[in-house]
Amino acid sequence: AYFEDSNNPYIGDFYEDMNRWSFNLQVHFLASRIRQTMDMLADGS
């Protein structure tokens, strides 16, 4: 199993001001998902 990384440092800021922090939040999620995809490919499961 590979789960979404819920440790995003922008979550709190995002819920305080969505217009300001939505880009940062999404870029962090994207980077995390790319790292996870690379780990999945290397894992060989």
PDB file of all heavy atoms in Angstrom:
ATOM      1  N   ALA A   1       0.836  -1.203   0.000  1.00  0.00           N
ATOM      2  CA  ALA A   1       0.000   0.000   0.000  1.00  0.00           C
ATOM      3  C   ALA A   1       0.868   1.248   0.000  1.00  0.00           C
ATOM      4  O   ALA A   1       1.909   1.295   0.652  1.00  0.00           O
ATOM      5  CB  ALA A   1      -0.894   0.013   1.228  1.00  0.00           C
ATOM      6  N   TYR A   2       0.420   2.241  -0.739  1.00  0.00           N
ATOM      7  CA  TYR A   2       1.037   3.567  -0.723  1.00  0.00           C
ATOM      8  C   TYR A   2      -0.068   4.570  -0.421  1.00  0.00           C
ATOM      9  O   TYR A   2      -1.066   4.628  -1.128  1.00  0.00           O
ATOM     10  CB  TYR A   2       1.687   3.884  -2.072  1.00  0.00           C
ATOM     11  CG  TYR A   2       2.964   3.127  -2.284  1.00  0.00           C
ATOM     12  CD1 TYR A   2       2.965   1.885  -2.888  1.00  0.00           C
ATOM     13  CD2 TYR A   2       4.177   3.660  -1.865  1.00  0.00           C
ATOM     14  CE1 TYR A   2       4.134   1.179  -3.073  1.00  0.00           C
ATOM     15  CE2 TYR A   2       5.352   2.963  -2.054  1.00  0.00           C
ATOM     16  CZ  TYR A   2       5.333   1.722  -2.652  1.00  0.00           C
ATOM     17  OH  TYR A   2       6.500   1.026  -2.838  1.00  0.00           O
ATOM     18  N   PHE A   3       0.148   5.333   0.649  1.00  0.00           N
ATOM     19  CA  PHE A   3      -0.865   6.281   1.113  1.00  0.00           C
ATOM     20  C   PHE A   3      -0.435   7.715   0.856  1.00  0.00           C
ATOM     21  O   PHE A   3       0.758   8.029   0.823  1.00  0.00           O
ATOM     22  CB  PHE A   3      -1.121   6.091   2.610  1.00  0.00           C
ATOM     23  CG  PHE A   3      -1.677   4.739   2.945  1.00  0.00           C
ATOM     24  CD1 PHE A   3      -0.840   3.726   3.375  1.00  0.00           C
ATOM     25  CD2 PHE A   3      -3.025   4.478   2.804  1.00  0.00           C
ATOM     26  CE1 PHE A   3      -1.339   2.468   3.678  1.00  0.00           C
ATOM     27  CE2 PHE A   3      -3.539   3.226   3.102  1.00  0.00           C
ATOM     28  CZ  PHE A   3      -2.693   2.223   3.541  1.00  0.00           C
ATOM     29  N   GLU A   4      -1.433   8.578   0.723  1.00  0.00           N
ATOM     30  CA  GLU A   4      -1.163  10.002   0.541  1.00  0.00           C
ATOM     31  C   GLU A   4      -0.435  10.550   1.760  1.00  0.00           C
ATOM     32  O   GLU A   4      -0.784  10.248   2.898  1.00  0.00           O
ATOM     33  CB  GLU A   4      -2.489  10.749   0.351  1.00  0.00           C
ATOM     34  CG  GLU A   4      -2.315  12.241   0.185  1.00  0.00           C
ATOM     35  CD  GLU A   4      -3.637  12.952  -0.031  1.00  0.00           C
ATOM     36  OE1 GLU A   4      -4.648  12.539   0.561  1.00  0.00           O
ATOM     37  OE2 GLU A   4      -3.647  13.915  -0.794  1.00  0.00           O
ATOM     38  N   ASP A   5       0.585  11.360   1.516  1.00  0.00           N
ATOM     39  CA  ASP A   5       1.315  12.018   2.593  1.00  0.00           C
ATOM     40  C   ASP A   5       0.427  13.105   3.184  1.00  0.00           C
ATOM     41  O   ASP A   5       0.086  14.071   2.509  1.00  0.00           O
ATOM     42  CB  ASP A   5       2.605  12.620   2.043  1.00  0.00           C
ATOM     43  CG  ASP A   5       3.405  13.371   3.090  1.00  0.00           C
ATOM     44  OD1 ASP A   5       3.134  13.195   4.293  1.00  0.00           O
ATOM     45  OD2 ASP A   5       4.311  14.128   2.700  1.00  0.00           O
ATOM     46  N   SER A   6       0.041  12.941   4.437  1.00  0.00           N
ATOM     47  CA  SER A   6      -0.839  13.923   5.072  1.00  0.00           C
ATOM     48  C   SER A   6      -0.053  14.967   5.869  1.00  0.00           C
ATOM     49  O   SER A   6      -0.638  15.797   6.548  1.00  0.00           O
ATOM     50  CB  SER A   6      -1.841  13.213   5.985  1.00  0.00           C
ATOM     51  OG  SER A   6      -1.142  12.495   6.983  1.00  0.00           O
ATOM     52  N   ASN A   7       1.258  14.926   5.772  1.00  0.00           N
ATOM     53  CA  ASN A   7       2.107  15.860   6.508  1.00  0.00           C
ATOM     54  C   ASN A   7       2.487  17.042   5.613  1.00  0.00           C
ATOM     55  O   ASN A   7       3.652  17.268   5.329  1.00  0.00           O
ATOM     56  CB  ASN A   7       3.350  15.128   7.013  1.00  0.00           C
ATOM     57  CG  ASN A   7       4.143  15.966   7.996  1.00  0.00           C
ATOM     58  OD1 ASN A   7       3.613  16.880   8.606  1.00  0.00           O
ATOM     59  ND2 ASN A   7       5.410  15.656   8.132  1.00  0.00           N
ATOM     60  N   ASN A   8       1.490  17.791   5.179  1.00  0.00           N
ATOM     61  CA  ASN A   8       1.716  18.941   4.299  1.00  0.00           C
ATOM     62  C   ASN A   8       1.772  20.202   5.167  1.00  0.00           C
ATOM     63  O   ASN A   8       0.792  20.544   5.821  1.00  0.00           O
ATOM     64  CB  ASN A   8       0.592  19.045   3.268  1.00  0.00           C
ATOM     65  CG  ASN A   8       0.852  20.085   2.207  1.00  0.00           C
ATOM     66  OD1 ASN A   8       1.379  21.158   2.479  1.00  0.00           O
ATOM     67  ND2 ASN A   8       0.474  19.771   0.979  1.00  0.00           N
ATOM     68  N   PRO A   9       2.907  20.918   5.166  1.00  0.00           N
ATOM     69  CA  PRO A   9       3.048  22.082   6.040  1.00  0.00           C
ATOM     70  C   PRO A   9       2.135  23.252   5.678  1.00  0.00           C
ATOM     71  O   PRO A   9       2.012  24.201   6.454  1.00  0.00           O
ATOM     72  CB  PRO A   9       4.524  22.474   5.875  1.00  0.00           C
ATOM     73  CG  PRO A   9       4.912  21.937   4.544  1.00  0.00           C
ATOM     74  CD  PRO A   9       4.111  20.681   4.355  1.00  0.00           C
ATOM     75  N   TYR A  10       1.470  23.185   4.537  1.00  0.00           N
ATOM     76  CA  TYR A  10       0.620  24.287   4.096  1.00  0.00           C
ATOM     77  C   TYR A  10      -0.863  24.086   4.416  1.00  0.00           C
ATOM     78  O   TYR A  10      -1.668  24.956   4.140  1.00  0.00           O
ATOM     79  CB  TYR A  10       0.780  24.513   2.588  1.00  0.00           C
ATOM     80  CG  TYR A  10       2.185  24.890   2.210  1.00  0.00           C
ATOM     81  CD1 TYR A  10       3.029  23.972   1.607  1.00  0.00           C
ATOM     82  CD2 TYR A  10       2.669  26.163   2.472  1.00  0.00           C
ATOM     83  CE1 TYR A  10       4.324  24.314   1.272  1.00  0.00           C
ATOM     84  CE2 TYR A  10       3.972  26.514   2.143  1.00  0.00           C
ATOM     85  CZ  TYR A  10       4.783  25.582   1.550  1.00  0.00           C
ATOM     86  OH  TYR A  10       6.079  25.928   1.228  1.00  0.00           O
ATOM     87  N   ILE A  11      -1.212  22.959   4.996  1.00  0.00           N
ATOM     88  CA  ILE A  11      -2.629  22.663   5.238  1.00  0.00           C
ATOM     89  C   ILE A  11      -3.281  23.724   6.132  1.00  0.00           C
ATOM     90  O   ILE A  11      -4.351  24.227   5.800  1.00  0.00           O
ATOM     91  CB  ILE A  11      -2.808  21.250   5.843  1.00  0.00           C
ATOM     92  CG1 ILE A  11      -2.454  20.206   4.818  1.00  0.00           C
ATOM     93  CG2 ILE A  11      -4.189  21.058   6.423  1.00  0.00           C
ATOM     94  CD1 ILE A  11      -3.471  19.157   4.521  1.00  0.00           C
ATOM     95  N   GLY A  12      -2.683  24.020   7.254  1.00  0.00           N
ATOM     96  CA  GLY A  12      -3.262  25.005   8.167  1.00  0.00           C
ATOM     97  C   GLY A  12      -3.395  26.367   7.514  1.00  0.00           C
ATOM     98  O   GLY A  12      -4.447  27.019   7.613  1.00  0.00           O
ATOM     99  N   ASP A  13      -2.331  26.794   6.822  1.00  0.00           N
ATOM    100  CA  ASP A  13      -2.370  28.082   6.119  1.00  0.00           C
ATOM    101  C   ASP A  13      -3.449  28.081   5.043  1.00  0.00           C
ATOM    102  O   ASP A  13      -4.161  29.065   4.860  1.00  0.00           O
ATOM    103  CB  ASP A  13      -1.013  28.385   5.472  1.00  0.00           C
ATOM    104  CG  ASP A  13       0.079  28.597   6.498  1.00  0.00           C
ATOM    105  OD1 ASP A  13      -0.210  29.120   7.591  1.00  0.00           O
ATOM    106  OD2 ASP A  13       1.233  28.236   6.199  1.00  0.00           O
ATOM    107  N   PHE A  14      -3.570  26.955   4.330  1.00  0.00           N
ATOM    108  CA  PHE A  14      -4.558  26.841   3.267  1.00  0.00           C
ATOM    109  C   PHE A  14      -5.970  27.071   3.802  1.00  0.00           C
ATOM    110  O   PHE A  14      -6.755  27.812   3.213  1.00  0.00           O
ATOM    111  CB  PHE A  14      -4.459  25.462   2.611  1.00  0.00           C
ATOM    112  CG  PHE A  14      -5.567  25.158   1.646  1.00  0.00           C
ATOM    113  CD1 PHE A  14      -5.618  25.774   0.409  1.00  0.00           C
ATOM    114  CD2 PHE A  14      -6.564  24.254   1.984  1.00  0.00           C
ATOM    115  CE1 PHE A  14      -6.648  25.488  -0.489  1.00  0.00           C
ATOM    116  CE2 PHE A  14      -7.588  23.967   1.091  1.00  0.00           C
ATOM    117  CZ  PHE A  14      -7.632  24.588  -0.146  1.00  0.00           C
ATOM    118  N   TYR A  15      -6.312  26.454   4.927  1.00  0.00           N
ATOM    119  CA  TYR A  15      -7.659  26.615   5.467  1.00  0.00           C
ATOM    120  C   TYR A  15      -7.892  28.002   6.063  1.00  0.00           C
ATOM    121  O   TYR A  15      -9.027  28.432   6.194  1.00  0.00           O
ATOM    122  CB  TYR A  15      -7.988  25.505   6.465  1.00  0.00           C
ATOM    123  CG  TYR A  15      -8.292  24.203   5.757  1.00  0.00           C
ATOM    124  CD1 TYR A  15      -7.451  23.109   5.849  1.00  0.00           C
ATOM    125  CD2 TYR A  15      -9.419  24.091   4.950  1.00  0.00           C
ATOM    126  CE1 TYR A  15      -7.728  21.928   5.175  1.00  0.00           C
ATOM    127  CE2 TYR A  15      -9.703  22.918   4.268  1.00  0.00           C
ATOM    128  CZ  TYR A  15      -8.853  21.841   4.389  1.00  0.00           C
ATOM    129  OH  TYR A  15      -9.122  20.688   3.716  1.00  0.00           O
ATOM    130  N   GLU A  16      -6.811  28.706   6.377  1.00  0.00           N
ATOM    131  CA  GLU A  16      -6.926  30.091   6.851  1.00  0.00           C
ATOM    132  C   GLU A  16      -7.159  31.062   5.686  1.00  0.00           C
ATOM    133  O   GLU A  16      -7.896  32.031   5.821  1.00  0.00           O
ATOM    134  CB  GLU A  16      -5.658  30.506   7.606  1.00  0.00           C
ATOM    135  CG  GLU A  16      -5.457  29.798   8.915  1.00  0.00           C
ATOM    136  CD  GLU A  16      -6.369  30.305  10.000  1.00  0.00           C
ATOM    137  OE1 GLU A  16      -6.643  31.517  10.031  1.00  0.00           O
ATOM    138  OE2 GLU A  16      -6.820  29.474  10.807  1.00  0.00           O
ATOM    139  N   ASP A  17      -6.476  30.811   4.557  1.00  0.00           N
ATOM    140  CA  ASP A  17      -6.575  31.706   3.398  1.00  0.00           C
ATOM    141  C   ASP A  17      -6.339  30.889   2.125  1.00  0.00           C
ATOM    142  O   ASP A  17      -5.215  30.785   1.632  1.00  0.00           O
ATOM    143  CB  ASP A  17      -5.537  32.831   3.515  1.00  0.00           C
ATOM    144  CG  ASP A  17      -5.646  33.870   2.412  1.00  0.00           C
ATOM    145  OD1 ASP A  17      -6.439  33.684   1.459  1.00  0.00           O
ATOM    146  OD2 ASP A  17      -4.923  34.889   2.499  1.00  0.00           O
ATOM    147  N   MET A  18      -7.410  30.295   1.609  1.00  0.00           N
ATOM    148  CA  MET A  18      -7.308  29.379   0.473  1.00  0.00           C
ATOM    149  C   MET A  18      -6.745  30.050  -0.772  1.00  0.00           C
ATOM    150  O   MET A  18      -5.962  29.434  -1.499  1.00  0.00           O
ATOM    151  CB  MET A  18      -8.661  28.755   0.170  1.00  0.00           C
ATOM    152  CG  MET A  18      -9.119  27.813   1.239  1.00  0.00           C
ATOM    153  SD  MET A  18     -10.694  27.064   0.785  1.00  0.00           S
ATOM    154  CE  MET A  18     -10.992  26.075   2.229  1.00  0.00           C
ATOM    155  N   ASN A  19      -7.142  31.280  -1.047  1.00  0.00           N
ATOM    156  CA  ASN A  19      -6.630  31.962  -2.241  1.00  0.00           C
ATOM    157  C   ASN A  19      -5.119  32.148  -2.176  1.00  0.00           C
ATOM    158  O   ASN A  19      -4.430  32.016  -3.188  1.00  0.00           O
ATOM    159  CB  ASN A  19      -7.309  33.320  -2.424  1.00  0.00           C
ATOM    160  CG  ASN A  19      -8.742  33.185  -2.890  1.00  0.00           C
ATOM    161  OD1 ASN A  19      -9.092  32.233  -3.570  1.00  0.00           O
ATOM    162  ND2 ASN A  19      -9.577  34.131  -2.492  1.00  0.00           N
ATOM    163  N   ARG A  20      -4.597  32.446  -1.018  1.00  0.00           N
ATOM    164  CA  ARG A  20      -3.164  32.701  -0.879  1.00  0.00           C
ATOM    165  C   ARG A  20      -2.337  31.424  -0.915  1.00  0.00           C
ATOM    166  O   ARG A  20      -1.261  31.384  -1.484  1.00  0.00           O
ATOM    167  CB  ARG A  20      -2.908  33.453   0.442  1.00  0.00           C
ATOM    168  CG  ARG A  20      -1.467  33.472   0.947  1.00  0.00           C
ATOM    169  CD  ARG A  20      -0.530  34.185  -0.044  1.00  0.00           C
ATOM    170  NE  ARG A  20       0.841  34.170   0.388  1.00  0.00           N
ATOM    171  CZ  ARG A  20       1.740  33.248   0.052  1.00  0.00           C
ATOM    172  NH1 ARG A  20       1.406  32.214  -0.689  1.00  0.00           N
ATOM    173  NH2 ARG A  20       2.984  33.329   0.461  1.00  0.00           N
ATOM    174  N   TRP A  21      -2.805  30.344  -0.281  1.00  0.00           N
ATOM    175  CA  TRP A  21      -1.973  29.157  -0.060  1.00  0.00           C
ATOM    176  C   TRP A  21      -2.314  27.949  -0.931  1.00  0.00           C
ATOM    177  O   TRP A  21      -1.655  26.915  -0.835  1.00  0.00           O
ATOM    178  CB  TRP A  21      -2.038  28.760   1.415  1.00  0.00           C
ATOM    179  CG  TRP A  21      -1.406  29.800   2.276  1.00  0.00           C
ATOM    180  CD1 TRP A  21      -2.049  30.726   3.038  1.00  0.00           C
ATOM    181  CD2 TRP A  21      -0.012  30.049   2.424  1.00  0.00           C
ATOM    182  NE1 TRP A  21      -1.137  31.538   3.663  1.00  0.00           N
ATOM    183  CE2 TRP A  21       0.131  31.143   3.300  1.00  0.00           C
ATOM    184  CE3 TRP A  21       1.137  29.471   1.894  1.00  0.00           C
ATOM    185  CZ2 TRP A  21       1.357  31.658   3.670  1.00  0.00           C
ATOM    186  CZ3 TRP A  21       2.378  29.975   2.267  1.00  0.00           C
ATOM    187  CH2 TRP A  21       2.473  31.054   3.144  1.00  0.00           C
ATOM    188  N   SER A  22      -3.296  28.031  -1.805  1.00  0.00           N
ATOM    189  CA  SER A  22      -3.691  26.857  -2.596  1.00  0.00           C
ATOM    190  C   SER A  22      -2.578  26.373  -3.522  1.00  0.00           C
ATOM    191  O   SER A  22      -2.372  25.171  -3.663  1.00  0.00           O
ATOM    192  CB  SER A  22      -4.965  27.144  -3.389  1.00  0.00           C
ATOM    193  OG  SER A  22      -4.773  28.234  -4.261  1.00  0.00           O
ATOM    194  N   PHE A  23      -1.845  27.298  -4.146  1.00  0.00           N
ATOM    195  CA  PHE A  23      -0.763  26.889  -5.048  1.00  0.00           C
ATOM    196  C   PHE A  23       0.332  26.152  -4.273  1.00  0.00           C
ATOM    197  O   PHE A  23       0.787  25.086  -4.692  1.00  0.00           O
ATOM    198  CB  PHE A  23      -0.177  28.105  -5.774  1.00  0.00           C
ATOM    199  CG  PHE A  23       0.938  27.748  -6.711  1.00  0.00           C
ATOM    200  CD1 PHE A  23       0.677  27.178  -7.938  1.00  0.00           C
ATOM    201  CD2 PHE A  23       2.262  27.975  -6.344  1.00  0.00           C
ATOM    202  CE1 PHE A  23       1.710  26.826  -8.795  1.00  0.00           C
ATOM    203  CE2 PHE A  23       3.300  27.628  -7.192  1.00  0.00           C
ATOM    204  CZ  PHE A  23       3.021  27.054  -8.426  1.00  0.00           C
ATOM    205  N   ASN A  24       0.744  26.714  -3.137  1.00  0.00           N
ATOM    206  CA  ASN A  24       1.787  26.084  -2.329  1.00  0.00           C
ATOM    207  C   ASN A  24       1.369  24.689  -1.884  1.00  0.00           C
ATOM    208  O   ASN A  24       2.158  23.739  -1.930  1.00  0.00           O
ATOM    209  CB  ASN A  24       2.091  26.937  -1.097  1.00  0.00           C
ATOM    210  CG  ASN A  24       2.539  28.323  -1.457  1.00  0.00           C
ATOM    211  OD1 ASN A  24       1.756  29.108  -1.990  1.00  0.00           O
ATOM    212  ND2 ASN A  24       3.778  28.650  -1.190  1.00  0.00           N
ATOM    213  N   LEU A  25       0.125  24.569  -1.441  1.00  0.00           N
ATOM    214  CA  LEU A  25      -0.405  23.290  -0.998  1.00  0.00           C
ATOM    215  C   LEU A  25      -0.346  22.258  -2.122  1.00  0.00           C
ATOM    216  O   LEU A  25       0.140  21.136  -1.930  1.00  0.00           O
ATOM    217  CB  LEU A  25      -1.855  23.465  -0.533  1.00  0.00           C
ATOM    218  CG  LEU A  25      -2.565  22.205  -0.063  1.00  0.00           C
ATOM    219  CD1 LEU A  25      -2.270  21.938   1.402  1.00  0.00           C
ATOM    220  CD2 LEU A  25      -4.062  22.335  -0.286  1.00  0.00           C
ATOM    221  N   GLN A  26      -0.821  22.645  -3.307  1.00  0.00           N
ATOM    222  CA  GLN A  26      -0.863  21.707  -4.432  1.00  0.00           C
ATOM    223  C   GLN A  26       0.529  21.327  -4.926  1.00  0.00           C
ATOM    224  O   GLN A  26       0.766  20.165  -5.283  1.00  0.00           O
ATOM    225  CB  GLN A  26      -1.697  22.283  -5.575  1.00  0.00           C
ATOM    226  CG  GLN A  26      -3.180  22.304  -5.293  1.00  0.00           C
ATOM    227  CD  GLN A  26      -3.730  20.922  -4.990  1.00  0.00           C
ATOM    228  OE1 GLN A  26      -3.378  19.931  -5.616  1.00  0.00           O
ATOM    229  NE2 GLN A  26      -4.608  20.849  -4.015  1.00  0.00           N
ATOM    230  N   VAL A  27       1.457  22.263  -4.930  1.00  0.00           N
ATOM    231  CA  VAL A  27       2.828  21.949  -5.354  1.00  0.00           C
ATOM    232  C   VAL A  27       3.468  20.969  -4.379  1.00  0.00           C
ATOM    233  O   VAL A  27       4.156  20.032  -4.783  1.00  0.00           O
ATOM    234  CB  VAL A  27       3.674  23.234  -5.512  1.00  0.00           C
ATOM    235  CG1 VAL A  27       5.140  22.905  -5.648  1.00  0.00           C
ATOM    236  CG2 VAL A  27       3.190  24.032  -6.715  1.00  0.00           C
ATOM    237  N   HIS A  28       3.207  21.158  -3.098  1.00  0.00           N
ATOM    238  CA  HIS A  28       3.748  20.220  -2.107  1.00  0.00           C
ATOM    239  C   HIS A  28       3.156  18.827  -2.310  1.00  0.00           C
ATOM    240  O   HIS A  28       3.877  17.826  -2.273  1.00  0.00           O
ATOM    241  CB  HIS A  28       3.477  20.715  -0.690  1.00  0.00           C
ATOM    242  CG  HIS A  28       4.163  19.898   0.350  1.00  0.00           C
ATOM    243  ND1 HIS A  28       3.624  18.738   0.851  1.00  0.00           N
ATOM    244  CD2 HIS A  28       5.352  20.055   0.966  1.00  0.00           C
ATOM    245  CE1 HIS A  28       4.447  18.214   1.730  1.00  0.00           C
ATOM    246  NE2 HIS A  28       5.508  19.006   1.821  1.00  0.00           N
ATOM    247  N   PHE A  29       1.833  18.747  -2.507  1.00  0.00           N
ATOM    248  CA  PHE A  29       1.200  17.451  -2.761  1.00  0.00           C
ATOM    249  C   PHE A  29       1.764  16.810  -4.034  1.00  0.00           C
ATOM    250  O   PHE A  29       2.037  15.607  -4.063  1.00  0.00           O
ATOM    251  CB  PHE A  29      -0.316  17.584  -2.888  1.00  0.00           C
ATOM    252  CG  PHE A  29      -1.053  17.561  -1.580  1.00  0.00           C
ATOM    253  CD1 PHE A  29      -2.048  18.484  -1.325  1.00  0.00           C
ATOM    254  CD2 PHE A  29      -0.781  16.608  -0.615  1.00  0.00           C
ATOM    255  CE1 PHE A  29      -2.750  18.463  -0.127  1.00  0.00           C
ATOM    256  CE2 PHE A  29      -1.474  16.580   0.586  1.00  0.00           C
ATOM    257  CZ  PHE A  29      -2.462  17.512   0.827  1.00  0.00           C
ATOM    258  N   LEU A  30       1.934  17.590  -5.086  1.00  0.00           N
ATOM    259  CA  LEU A  30       2.470  17.052  -6.334  1.00  0.00           C
ATOM    260  C   LEU A  30       3.876  16.496  -6.135  1.00  0.00           C
ATOM    261  O   LEU A  30       4.181  15.387  -6.575  1.00  0.00           O
ATOM    262  CB  LEU A  30       2.476  18.132  -7.423  1.00  0.00           C
ATOM    263  CG  LEU A  30       3.067  17.706  -8.762  1.00  0.00           C
ATOM    264  CD1 LEU A  30       2.271  16.557  -9.375  1.00  0.00           C
ATOM    265  CD2 LEU A  30       3.118  18.897  -9.712  1.00  0.00           C
ATOM    266  N   ALA A  31       4.736  17.259  -5.462  1.00  0.00           N
ATOM    267  CA  ALA A  31       6.104  16.796  -5.208  1.00  0.00           C
ATOM    268  C   ALA A  31       6.093  15.510  -4.391  1.00  0.00           C
ATOM    269  O   ALA A  31       6.851  14.566  -4.680  1.00  0.00           O
ATOM    270  CB  ALA A  31       6.900  17.878  -4.496  1.00  0.00           C
ATOM    271  N   SER A  32       5.223  15.441  -3.400  1.00  0.00           N
ATOM    272  CA  SER A  32       5.116  14.249  -2.566  1.00  0.00           C
ATOM    273  C   SER A  32       4.656  13.044  -3.392  1.00  0.00           C
ATOM    274  O   SER A  32       5.180  11.936  -3.249  1.00  0.00           O
ATOM    275  CB  SER A  32       4.121  14.515  -1.436  1.00  0.00           C
ATOM    276  OG  SER A  32       3.838  13.348  -0.722  1.00  0.00           O
ATOM    277  N   ARG A  33       3.694  13.270  -4.283  1.00  0.00           N
ATOM    278  CA  ARG A  33       3.184  12.167  -5.111  1.00  0.00           C
ATOM    279  C   ARG A  33       4.206  11.717  -6.149  1.00  0.00           C
ATOM    280  O   ARG A  33       4.272  10.524  -6.481  1.00  0.00           O
ATOM    281  CB  ARG A  33       1.870  12.582  -5.765  1.00  0.00           C
ATOM    282  CG  ARG A  33       0.761  12.699  -4.741  1.00  0.00           C
ATOM    283  CD  ARG A  33      -0.536  13.164  -5.342  1.00  0.00           C
ATOM    284  NE  ARG A  33      -1.512  13.340  -4.268  1.00  0.00           N
ATOM    285  CZ  ARG A  33      -2.409  14.287  -4.226  1.00  0.00           C
ATOM    286  NH1 ARG A  33      -2.509  15.155  -5.209  1.00  0.00           N
ATOM    287  NH2 ARG A  33      -3.242  14.386  -3.216  1.00  0.00           N
ATOM    288  N   ILE A  34       4.998  12.631  -6.646  1.00  0.00           N
ATOM    289  CA  ILE A  34       6.066  12.244  -7.584  1.00  0.00           C
ATOM    290  C   ILE A  34       7.105  11.398  -6.864  1.00  0.00           C
ATOM    291  O   ILE A  34       7.545  10.368  -7.380  1.00  0.00           O
ATOM    292  CB  ILE A  34       6.692  13.481  -8.251  1.00  0.00           C
ATOM    293  CG1 ILE A  34       5.700  14.095  -9.239  1.00  0.00           C
ATOM    294  CG2 ILE A  34       8.007  13.127  -8.941  1.00  0.00           C
ATOM    295  CD1 ILE A  34       6.121  15.430  -9.805  1.00  0.00           C
ATOM    296  N   ARG A  35       7.498  11.818  -5.647  1.00  0.00           N
ATOM    297  CA  ARG A  35       8.453  11.012  -4.858  1.00  0.00           C
ATOM    298  C   ARG A  35       7.877   9.619  -4.602  1.00  0.00           C
ATOM    299  O   ARG A  35       8.582   8.610  -4.728  1.00  0.00           O
ATOM    300  CB  ARG A  35       8.765  11.698  -3.527  1.00  0.00           C
ATOM    301  CG  ARG A  35       9.814  12.769  -3.609  1.00  0.00           C
ATOM    302  CD  ARG A  35      10.280  13.220  -2.237  1.00  0.00           C
ATOM    303  NE  ARG A  35       9.210  13.751  -1.410  1.00  0.00           N
ATOM    304  CZ  ARG A  35       8.785  15.009  -1.429  1.00  0.00           C
ATOM    305  NH1 ARG A  35       9.328  15.870  -2.244  1.00  0.00           N
ATOM    306  NH2 ARG A  35       7.810  15.396  -0.633  1.00  0.00           N
ATOM    307  N   GLN A  36       6.591   9.560  -4.255  1.00  0.00           N
ATOM    308  CA  GLN A  36       5.955   8.272  -3.989  1.00  0.00           C
ATOM    309  C   GLN A  36       5.935   7.405  -5.247  1.00  0.00           C
ATOM    310  O   GLN A  36       6.187   6.198  -5.177  1.00  0.00           O
ATOM    311  CB  GLN A  36       4.537   8.476  -3.470  1.00  0.00           C
ATOM    312  CG  GLN A  36       3.873   7.183  -3.070  1.00  0.00           C
ATOM    313  CD  GLN A  36       2.471   7.397  -2.560  1.00  0.00           C
ATOM    314  OE1 GLN A  36       1.572   7.663  -3.355  1.00  0.00           O
ATOM    315  NE2 GLN A  36       2.291   7.299  -1.258  1.00  0.00           N
ATOM    316  N   THR A  37       5.658   7.992  -6.388  1.00  0.00           N
ATOM    317  CA  THR A  37       5.649   7.248  -7.646  1.00  0.00           C
ATOM    318  C   THR A  37       7.034   6.685  -7.940  1.00  0.00           C
ATOM    319  O   THR A  37       7.166   5.523  -8.356  1.00  0.00           O
ATOM    320  CB  THR A  37       5.163   8.135  -8.798  1.00  0.00           C
ATOM    321  OG1 THR A  37       3.826   8.583  -8.504  1.00  0.00           O
ATOM    322  CG2 THR A  37       5.163   7.384 -10.116  1.00  0.00           C
ATOM    323  N   MET A  38       8.062   7.475  -7.714  1.00  0.00           N
ATOM    324  CA  MET A  38       9.438   6.996  -7.919  1.00  0.00           C
ATOM    325  C   MET A  38       9.756   5.842  -6.958  1.00  0.00           C
ATOM    326  O   MET A  38      10.387   4.863  -7.350  1.00  0.00           O
ATOM    327  CB  MET A  38      10.433   8.135  -7.739  1.00  0.00           C
ATOM    328  CG  MET A  38      10.250   9.279  -8.731  1.00  0.00           C
ATOM    329  SD  MET A  38      10.303   8.762 -10.459  1.00  0.00           S
ATOM    330  CE  MET A  38      12.015   8.331 -10.606  1.00  0.00           C
ATOM    331  N   ASP A  39       9.294   5.944  -5.715  1.00  0.00           N
ATOM    332  CA  ASP A  39       9.488   4.861  -4.747  1.00  0.00           C
ATOM    333  C   ASP A  39       8.766   3.600  -5.192  1.00  0.00           C
ATOM    334  O   ASP A  39       9.298   2.491  -5.081  1.00  0.00           O
ATOM    335  CB  ASP A  39       8.966   5.262  -3.359  1.00  0.00           C
ATOM    336  CG  ASP A  39       9.815   6.327  -2.697  1.00  0.00           C
ATOM    337  OD1 ASP A  39      10.960   6.563  -3.142  1.00  0.00           O
ATOM    338  OD2 ASP A  39       9.322   6.937  -1.714  1.00  0.00           O
ATOM    339  N   MET A  40       7.552   3.745  -5.718  1.00  0.00           N
ATOM    340  CA  MET A  40       6.786   2.594  -6.191  1.00  0.00           C
ATOM    341  C   MET A  40       7.508   1.896  -7.340  1.00  0.00           C
ATOM    342  O   MET A  40       7.573   0.675  -7.392  1.00  0.00           O
ATOM    343  CB  MET A  40       5.387   3.015  -6.650  1.00  0.00           C
ATOM    344  CG  MET A  40       4.452   3.301  -5.523  1.00  0.00           C
ATOM    345  SD  MET A  40       2.804   3.916  -5.998  1.00  0.00           S
ATOM    346  CE  MET A  40       2.641   3.604  -7.706  1.00  0.00           C
ATOM    347  N   LEU A  41       8.045   2.684  -8.255  1.00  0.00           N
ATOM    348  CA  LEU A  41       8.757   2.107  -9.398  1.00  0.00           C
ATOM    349  C   LEU A  41      10.019   1.382  -8.951  1.00  0.00           C
ATOM    350  O   LEU A  41      10.369   0.332  -9.487  1.00  0.00           O
ATOM    351  CB  LEU A  41       9.097   3.200 -10.408  1.00  0.00           C
ATOM    352  CG  LEU A  41       7.906   3.810 -11.140  1.00  0.00           C
ATOM    353  CD1 LEU A  41       8.348   5.023 -11.951  1.00  0.00           C
ATOM    354  CD2 LEU A  41       7.233   2.782 -12.031  1.00  0.00           C
ATOM    355  N   ALA A  42      10.689   1.917  -7.955  1.00  0.00           N
ATOM    356  CA  ALA A  42      11.922   1.302  -7.461  1.00  0.00           C
ATOM    357  C   ALA A  42      11.642   0.079  -6.591  1.00  0.00           C
ATOM    358  O   ALA A  42      12.479  -0.820  -6.497  1.00  0.00           O
ATOM    359  CB  ALA A  42      12.729   2.322  -6.672  1.00  0.00           C
ATOM    360  N   ASP A  43      10.469   0.042  -5.970  1.00  0.00           N
ATOM    361  CA  ASP A  43      10.113  -1.027  -5.041  1.00  0.00           C
ATOM    362  C   ASP A  43      10.042  -2.386  -5.734  1.00  0.00           C
ATOM    363  O   ASP A  43      10.477  -3.391  -5.198  1.00  0.00           O
ATOM    364  CB  ASP A  43       8.783  -0.690  -4.376  1.00  0.00           C
ATOM    365  CG  ASP A  43       8.321  -1.745  -3.386  1.00  0.00           C
ATOM    366  OD1 ASP A  43       9.145  -2.544  -2.915  1.00  0.00           O
ATOM    367  OD2 ASP A  43       7.113  -1.773  -3.084  1.00  0.00           O
ATOM    368  N   GLY A  44       9.452  -2.437  -6.894  1.00  0.00           N
ATOM    369  CA  GLY A  44       9.354  -3.693  -7.631  1.00  0.00           C
ATOM    370  C   GLY A  44       8.221  -4.597  -7.191  1.00  0.00           C
ATOM    371  O   GLY A  44       8.134  -5.735  -7.647  1.00  0.00           O
ATOM    372  N   SER A  45       7.349  -4.134  -6.303  1.00  0.00           N
ATOM    373  CA  SER A  45       6.215  -4.958  -5.883  1.00  0.00           C
ATOM    374  C   SER A  45       5.277  -5.199  -7.064  1.00  0.00           C
ATOM    375  O   SER A  45       5.038  -4.309  -7.865  1.00  0.00           O
ATOM    376  CB  SER A  45       5.431  -4.262  -4.768  1.00  0.00           C
ATOM    377  OG  SER A  45       6.198  -4.167  -3.611  1.00  0.00           O
TER     378      SER A  45
END
